Protein backbone atom coordinates (compact mmCIF):
# COMPACT_ATOMS: atom_id res chain seq x y z
CA MET A 1 -99.01 -6.58 46.80
CA LYS A 2 -102.46 -5.44 47.41
CA SER A 3 -103.93 -2.26 45.80
CA PRO A 4 -103.43 0.97 48.17
CA ARG A 5 -107.13 1.97 49.44
CA ILE A 6 -107.71 5.55 49.50
CA LEU A 7 -110.48 7.35 51.08
CA LEU A 8 -111.05 10.36 48.86
CA LEU A 9 -113.12 13.54 50.41
CA SER A 10 -113.48 15.74 47.87
CA ARG A 11 -115.81 18.91 48.17
CA TYR A 12 -117.80 18.46 44.93
CA THR A 13 -118.47 15.89 42.47
CA ARG A 14 -116.23 16.56 39.21
CA VAL A 15 -119.00 19.38 38.32
CA GLY A 16 -117.17 21.03 40.63
CA ALA A 17 -113.84 22.60 39.16
CA SER A 18 -111.56 22.48 41.84
CA SER A 19 -112.52 18.71 42.65
CA ARG A 20 -112.67 17.81 39.03
CA LEU A 21 -109.12 19.20 38.32
CA ARG A 22 -107.39 18.52 41.84
CA PHE A 23 -108.42 15.13 42.28
CA PHE A 24 -110.99 13.45 39.38
CA GLN A 25 -108.66 14.08 36.40
CA TYR A 26 -105.98 12.12 38.11
CA LEU A 27 -107.76 9.03 39.14
CA PRO A 28 -107.66 6.93 35.37
CA TYR A 29 -104.05 7.22 35.58
CA LEU A 30 -104.04 6.26 39.56
CA GLU A 31 -106.05 3.76 39.00
CA LYS A 32 -104.28 2.37 35.96
CA ALA A 33 -100.93 2.79 38.44
CA GLY A 34 -102.97 0.42 41.07
CA PHE A 35 -104.81 2.73 43.67
CA SER A 36 -108.32 2.17 44.28
CA PHE A 37 -110.23 4.81 45.67
CA THR A 38 -113.51 5.14 47.36
CA ILE A 39 -115.05 8.28 46.61
CA ARG A 40 -117.38 10.57 48.92
CA PRO A 41 -117.94 14.01 47.52
CA PHE A 42 -119.49 16.51 50.36
CA PHE A 43 -121.78 18.21 47.97
CA GLY A 44 -123.71 16.45 45.31
CA ASP A 45 -124.56 17.99 41.52
CA LYS A 46 -127.73 19.89 42.72
CA TYR A 47 -125.64 22.00 45.48
CA LEU A 48 -123.56 23.73 42.92
CA ALA A 49 -126.43 24.29 40.60
CA ASP A 50 -128.55 25.70 43.42
CA LEU A 51 -125.88 27.79 44.53
CA TYR A 52 -125.41 29.27 41.19
CA ASN A 53 -128.98 30.26 40.96
CA GLY A 54 -128.72 31.46 44.66
CA LYS A 55 -131.12 29.32 46.43
CA VAL A 56 -129.24 26.47 48.05
CA SER A 57 -131.25 23.86 50.67
CA LEU A 58 -130.47 24.19 54.26
CA PHE A 59 -131.74 20.52 54.61
CA SER A 60 -129.42 19.48 51.78
CA VAL A 61 -126.52 21.06 53.24
CA LEU A 62 -127.45 19.27 56.62
CA LYS A 63 -127.63 15.94 54.99
CA SER A 64 -124.18 16.64 53.47
CA TYR A 65 -122.55 17.16 56.88
CA VAL A 66 -124.50 13.69 58.66
CA ALA A 67 -123.17 11.93 55.33
CA ARG A 68 -119.73 12.44 56.03
CA PHE A 69 -119.99 12.23 59.93
CA VAL A 70 -121.07 8.63 58.92
CA THR A 71 -118.14 8.25 56.22
CA MET A 72 -115.61 8.81 58.92
CA SER A 73 -117.19 6.13 60.82
CA SER A 74 -115.26 3.76 58.83
CA ALA A 75 -112.25 5.59 57.60
CA LYS A 76 -109.95 3.41 59.81
CA ARG A 77 -110.11 0.73 57.04
CA PHE A 78 -108.35 2.74 54.42
CA ASP A 79 -104.47 2.93 53.73
CA ALA A 80 -105.15 6.78 53.41
CA ILE A 81 -107.33 9.81 53.54
CA TRP A 82 -107.11 12.56 50.50
CA VAL A 83 -109.14 15.25 51.56
CA GLU A 84 -109.77 18.83 49.90
CA ALA A 85 -109.04 21.42 52.18
CA GLU A 86 -111.07 20.27 55.12
CA LEU A 87 -113.77 17.61 56.15
CA PHE A 88 -116.35 20.25 57.18
CA ARG A 89 -116.41 24.04 56.31
CA TRP A 90 -117.82 25.94 59.67
CA LEU A 91 -116.85 23.39 62.16
CA PRO A 92 -113.43 23.79 64.27
CA ALA A 93 -110.39 21.95 63.66
CA TRP A 94 -110.84 20.13 66.78
CA VAL A 95 -113.67 18.27 65.40
CA GLU A 96 -111.70 17.28 62.42
CA ASP A 97 -109.03 15.85 64.66
CA CYS A 98 -111.20 13.78 66.66
CA LEU A 99 -112.50 12.12 63.37
CA PHE A 100 -109.17 11.47 61.45
CA PRO A 101 -108.39 7.93 62.72
CA SER A 102 -104.93 7.76 64.03
CA GLY A 103 -102.33 5.72 62.24
CA VAL A 104 -103.83 6.29 58.77
CA PRO A 105 -101.65 8.84 56.84
CA LEU A 106 -103.65 12.36 55.99
CA ILE A 107 -103.32 14.11 52.58
CA VAL A 108 -104.97 17.46 52.07
CA ASP A 109 -104.89 19.52 49.08
CA TYR A 110 -105.31 23.34 48.69
CA ASP A 111 -105.72 25.07 45.45
CA ASP A 112 -107.17 28.29 47.08
CA ALA A 113 -106.34 30.73 50.03
CA ILE A 114 -109.50 29.52 52.33
CA PHE A 115 -107.74 30.34 55.42
CA HIS A 116 -108.06 34.00 54.44
CA TRP A 117 -111.90 33.31 53.82
CA TYR A 118 -111.91 32.23 57.53
CA GLU A 119 -109.76 35.24 58.49
CA ALA A 120 -112.25 37.81 57.15
CA GLN A 121 -115.57 36.84 58.73
CA ARG A 122 -117.23 39.64 60.17
CA PHE A 123 -118.51 38.18 63.20
CA PRO A 124 -115.79 38.39 65.60
CA GLY A 125 -116.18 34.92 67.32
CA VAL A 126 -116.13 33.28 64.07
CA SER A 127 -112.69 34.27 63.23
CA ARG A 128 -111.69 33.59 66.32
CA LEU A 129 -113.00 30.11 66.48
CA LEU A 130 -112.05 29.03 62.59
CA GLY A 131 -109.27 31.84 61.77
CA GLN A 132 -106.46 29.25 62.56
CA LYS A 133 -108.43 26.00 61.32
CA ILE A 134 -106.62 25.46 58.23
CA GLU A 135 -103.23 25.94 60.18
CA ARG A 136 -104.33 23.22 62.26
CA ILE A 137 -105.61 20.96 59.69
CA MET A 138 -102.11 21.54 57.76
CA ALA A 139 -100.18 21.04 60.90
CA MET A 140 -101.62 17.69 61.35
CA ALA A 141 -101.49 16.26 57.77
CA ASP A 142 -98.87 13.88 56.67
CA LEU A 143 -98.63 15.50 53.34
CA VAL A 144 -99.80 18.97 52.20
CA VAL A 145 -100.54 19.37 48.27
CA VAL A 146 -100.69 22.82 47.35
CA GLY A 147 -100.95 24.51 44.01
CA ASN A 148 -98.73 27.56 44.14
CA ASP A 149 -95.99 29.00 46.20
CA TYR A 150 -98.13 31.73 48.13
CA LEU A 151 -100.25 28.39 49.66
CA GLY A 152 -96.83 26.85 50.32
CA SER A 153 -95.54 29.45 52.28
CA TYR A 154 -98.91 29.57 54.46
CA ALA A 155 -98.38 25.68 55.00
CA HIS A 156 -94.67 26.26 56.13
CA LEU A 157 -95.64 28.60 58.62
CA ALA A 158 -98.43 26.21 59.90
CA GLY A 159 -95.55 24.04 60.78
CA ALA A 160 -97.06 21.52 58.03
CA ARG A 161 -94.43 18.34 58.16
CA ARG A 162 -94.21 18.17 54.48
CA ILE A 163 -95.50 20.60 51.45
CA GLU A 164 -95.28 19.74 47.75
CA LYS A 165 -96.33 21.95 44.56
CA VAL A 166 -98.53 20.42 42.29
CA PRO A 167 -99.91 23.21 39.96
CA THR A 168 -103.49 22.79 38.62
CA VAL A 169 -103.29 21.08 35.27
CA VAL A 170 -104.64 20.53 31.85
CA ASP A 171 -104.57 16.97 30.12
CA ILE A 172 -103.01 18.15 26.63
CA ASP A 173 -104.71 14.83 24.97
CA ARG A 174 -107.78 17.33 25.51
CA TYR A 175 -106.43 20.35 24.63
CA PHE A 176 -104.95 21.01 21.30
CA VAL A 177 -104.06 24.11 19.37
CA PRO A 178 -106.68 24.59 16.16
CA VAL A 179 -106.53 26.31 13.24
CA ARG A 180 -108.47 29.59 12.92
CA ASP A 181 -111.24 30.12 10.87
CA ALA A 182 -110.22 33.46 8.92
CA ASP A 183 -113.44 34.54 8.56
CA ARG A 184 -114.31 34.40 12.23
CA ARG A 185 -114.75 37.65 14.18
CA LEU A 186 -111.58 38.17 16.41
CA THR A 187 -112.82 37.04 20.22
CA ILE A 188 -111.54 38.10 23.55
CA GLY A 189 -112.44 35.13 26.09
CA TRP A 190 -112.83 34.23 29.48
CA ILE A 191 -114.18 30.99 31.05
CA GLY A 192 -115.20 30.93 35.29
CA THR A 193 -118.37 30.46 37.14
CA PRO A 194 -120.94 33.13 38.11
CA THR A 195 -118.98 33.44 41.58
CA THR A 196 -115.71 34.47 39.57
CA ALA A 197 -117.61 36.58 37.05
CA LYS A 198 -117.21 39.66 39.41
CA PHE A 199 -113.15 39.29 38.46
CA LEU A 200 -114.33 39.93 34.56
CA LEU A 201 -116.88 42.93 35.50
CA GLY A 202 -113.72 44.61 37.05
CA ILE A 203 -112.59 45.49 33.71
CA ALA A 204 -115.93 46.39 32.20
CA GLU A 205 -114.61 49.84 31.21
CA VAL A 206 -111.75 48.14 29.34
CA LEU A 207 -114.08 45.95 27.49
CA LYS A 208 -116.31 48.53 26.69
CA LYS A 209 -113.56 50.77 24.73
CA ILE A 210 -111.90 47.85 23.34
CA VAL A 211 -115.38 46.77 21.58
CA ASN A 212 -115.94 50.02 20.46
CA LYS A 213 -112.44 51.05 18.97
CA TYR A 214 -112.06 47.50 17.17
CA GLY A 215 -115.57 45.77 16.92
CA VAL A 216 -114.37 42.42 18.51
CA ARG A 217 -116.46 40.16 20.30
CA VAL A 218 -115.96 39.42 24.07
CA LEU A 219 -117.46 35.98 25.14
CA ALA A 220 -117.55 34.86 28.56
CA VAL A 221 -118.63 30.96 29.29
CA GLY A 222 -119.78 29.92 32.55
CA PRO A 223 -121.55 32.99 34.08
CA ASN A 224 -125.33 33.95 34.54
CA PRO A 225 -126.10 36.12 31.46
CA GLN A 226 -127.97 38.63 33.85
CA GLN A 227 -124.77 39.51 35.52
CA PHE A 228 -123.55 41.12 32.02
CA LYS A 229 -126.78 42.81 31.27
CA GLY A 230 -125.73 46.02 29.83
CA PHE A 231 -122.24 45.15 29.06
CA PRO A 232 -120.99 44.18 25.44
CA VAL A 233 -120.36 40.41 26.37
CA GLU A 234 -121.71 37.23 25.17
CA VAL A 235 -122.69 34.59 27.71
CA ARG A 236 -122.40 31.09 27.06
CA PRO A 237 -123.14 27.95 29.56
CA TRP A 238 -120.45 25.84 30.89
CA GLN A 239 -120.38 22.35 30.13
CA GLU A 240 -117.04 20.06 30.76
CA ASN A 241 -117.74 18.75 27.02
CA THR A 242 -117.68 21.98 25.37
CA GLU A 243 -115.32 23.94 27.49
CA VAL A 244 -112.40 23.23 25.20
CA PRO A 245 -113.71 23.84 22.01
CA GLU A 246 -115.19 27.14 23.28
CA ILE A 247 -111.65 28.12 24.53
CA GLN A 248 -110.18 26.97 21.09
CA GLY A 249 -112.83 29.89 19.68
CA PHE A 250 -110.96 32.61 21.40
CA ASP A 251 -108.41 34.43 19.94
CA ILE A 252 -107.12 36.11 23.16
CA GLY A 253 -107.63 34.98 26.61
CA VAL A 254 -108.00 36.95 29.61
CA MET A 255 -107.61 36.41 33.61
CA PRO A 256 -108.40 40.02 35.59
CA LEU A 257 -107.98 39.95 39.59
CA PRO A 258 -107.85 42.07 42.12
CA ASP A 259 -104.77 41.94 44.45
CA ASP A 260 -106.57 40.74 47.52
CA PRO A 261 -105.07 38.07 49.78
CA TYR A 262 -107.79 35.60 48.74
CA GLU A 263 -106.94 36.27 45.00
CA ARG A 264 -103.00 35.74 45.68
CA GLY A 265 -104.02 32.03 46.13
CA LYS A 266 -105.52 31.17 43.09
CA CYS A 267 -103.61 28.76 40.79
CA GLY A 268 -104.06 30.56 37.37
CA TYR A 269 -106.17 27.46 35.70
CA LYS A 270 -107.91 30.08 33.06
CA LEU A 271 -104.32 30.78 31.91
CA ILE A 272 -103.31 27.56 31.40
CA GLN A 273 -106.61 26.34 29.45
CA TYR A 274 -105.83 29.32 27.43
CA MET A 275 -102.34 28.49 26.64
CA ALA A 276 -103.15 24.91 26.20
CA CYS A 277 -105.28 26.02 23.14
CA GLY A 278 -102.27 28.06 21.69
CA LYS A 279 -103.98 31.50 22.99
CA PRO A 280 -102.16 34.60 23.99
CA VAL A 281 -103.46 36.02 27.36
CA VAL A 282 -103.44 39.16 29.22
CA ALA A 283 -103.91 39.29 32.92
CA SER A 284 -103.39 40.89 36.28
CA PRO A 285 -100.21 40.41 38.21
CA VAL A 286 -101.61 38.78 41.04
CA GLY A 287 -100.18 35.77 42.42
CA VAL A 288 -99.10 32.89 40.31
CA ASN A 289 -100.30 34.84 37.18
CA ALA A 290 -97.15 36.61 37.55
CA GLU A 291 -95.44 33.25 37.41
CA ILE A 292 -97.08 31.62 34.79
CA VAL A 293 -97.39 34.78 32.48
CA ARG A 294 -94.06 35.76 31.15
CA HIS A 295 -94.70 39.33 30.27
CA GLY A 296 -94.12 40.08 26.59
CA ASP A 297 -93.49 36.15 25.66
CA ASN A 298 -96.68 34.08 26.26
CA GLY A 299 -98.91 37.11 27.12
CA PHE A 300 -99.18 40.50 28.92
CA LEU A 301 -99.48 41.52 32.59
CA ALA A 302 -101.75 44.58 33.23
CA THR A 303 -102.94 46.28 35.97
CA THR A 304 -104.32 49.84 35.15
CA VAL A 305 -106.97 50.51 32.59
CA ASP A 306 -104.50 51.80 30.23
CA GLU A 307 -102.35 48.64 30.31
CA TRP A 308 -105.20 46.55 29.58
CA ILE A 309 -106.21 48.56 26.38
CA ASP A 310 -102.74 48.56 25.31
CA ALA A 311 -101.69 44.74 25.60
CA LEU A 312 -105.32 43.90 24.12
CA SER A 313 -104.95 46.43 21.28
CA ARG A 314 -101.42 45.23 20.66
CA LEU A 315 -102.55 41.46 20.38
CA ILE A 316 -105.81 42.68 18.21
CA ALA A 317 -103.49 44.33 15.91
CA ASP A 318 -101.11 41.84 15.25
CA SER A 319 -102.01 38.22 14.58
CA GLU A 320 -98.23 37.20 14.09
CA LEU A 321 -97.71 38.01 18.00
CA ARG A 322 -100.87 36.24 18.95
CA SER A 323 -99.55 33.25 17.38
CA CYS A 324 -95.76 33.34 18.31
CA MET A 325 -97.25 33.97 22.14
CA GLY A 326 -99.72 31.39 21.97
CA GLN A 327 -97.12 28.69 20.73
CA GLU A 328 -94.84 29.65 23.95
CA GLY A 329 -97.93 29.38 26.04
CA ARG A 330 -98.31 25.64 24.54
CA ALA A 331 -94.88 24.80 25.17
CA LEU A 332 -94.80 26.13 28.84
CA VAL A 333 -98.03 23.98 29.42
CA GLU A 334 -96.63 20.86 27.70
CA SER A 335 -93.29 21.16 30.08
CA ASP A 336 -94.99 22.63 33.34
CA TYR A 337 -98.74 22.40 33.47
CA SER A 338 -100.06 19.24 32.10
CA LEU A 339 -101.51 16.02 33.56
CA GLN A 340 -98.79 13.82 31.64
CA VAL A 341 -96.10 15.55 33.65
CA GLN A 342 -97.77 16.21 36.90
CA ALA A 343 -99.73 12.72 37.42
CA PRO A 344 -96.56 10.47 37.75
CA ARG A 345 -95.43 12.90 40.48
CA LEU A 346 -98.93 12.64 42.23
CA GLU A 347 -98.26 8.87 42.17
CA GLY A 348 -94.93 9.25 43.68
CA MET A 349 -96.25 11.35 46.78
CA LEU A 350 -99.02 9.32 47.51
CA ARG A 351 -96.83 5.97 47.44
CA SER A 352 -94.46 7.62 50.01
CA VAL A 353 -97.16 8.78 52.17
CA ILE A 354 -98.63 5.17 52.33
CA SER A 355 -95.55 3.41 52.64
């Protein structure tokens, strides 16, 4: 039996978090199971570096569009096409419809509510042209894979023929619960990117009060240092080979979010990373956060400043509570949010679509 050949059209290389987590981390398992992949990211590594530094080259973006058009000219020879969200940002759905070859199954994956991003464009012409783009792509796909129920509900309303939920997961062979150094200063940690650092800044008042009261350290991994000038936050760069040790150095992981439409579609990956390392969490009860965090069991949900301060204070004061919540979080990741659990499910979905 020949290996199923899949054209993988991710948005980024594995440097991009969404592409790395929703696609690239599954490839070793899927290749071992007999699949072969031709991988064509839309953007290269340099694009993300430029994006985070605010200096994207229009010429490099145009090259990415041309390269994808060329890729689609030979897409018919594959057994399936696996796409991250859409072929092209800013182009209407009918362009993508024309490019997808008939008879080749289409699989699309969503871990963000990008449909709200299009709907919220300030220019009426853009929102009219693209506001329903993701609906149309979902409706034409043979399989829509979503990271949470919020995205699944949108796919259902869009008329998707088949919807499967695959949460964003971690490889538990990479993540383990460390033994804490008793002499280390207690640390509240956050991990993300320069584009999501605004969410941590949203609880700046909380962090200032907590640092002043308890003398703890606040560590942010991934943002630009200038984003936190004047705030009691230590910033470190993100690297794939150091992200797990950085999280293992946290004592409490936080994930603040505003209760806005786009944020309701997020998949809670930070929480899963924290829990995989045995860390208790405090998070905003937005979207899937309220499902992952079992309030009082593996962490706390907090909305107001007082709730955030109370939750963090309780965890800072009680090492046994931190340990018990960390154990509960780790157990949840092992049972529901691990690559080891979800990879066989994804393999079965891909095979069923191709067959």
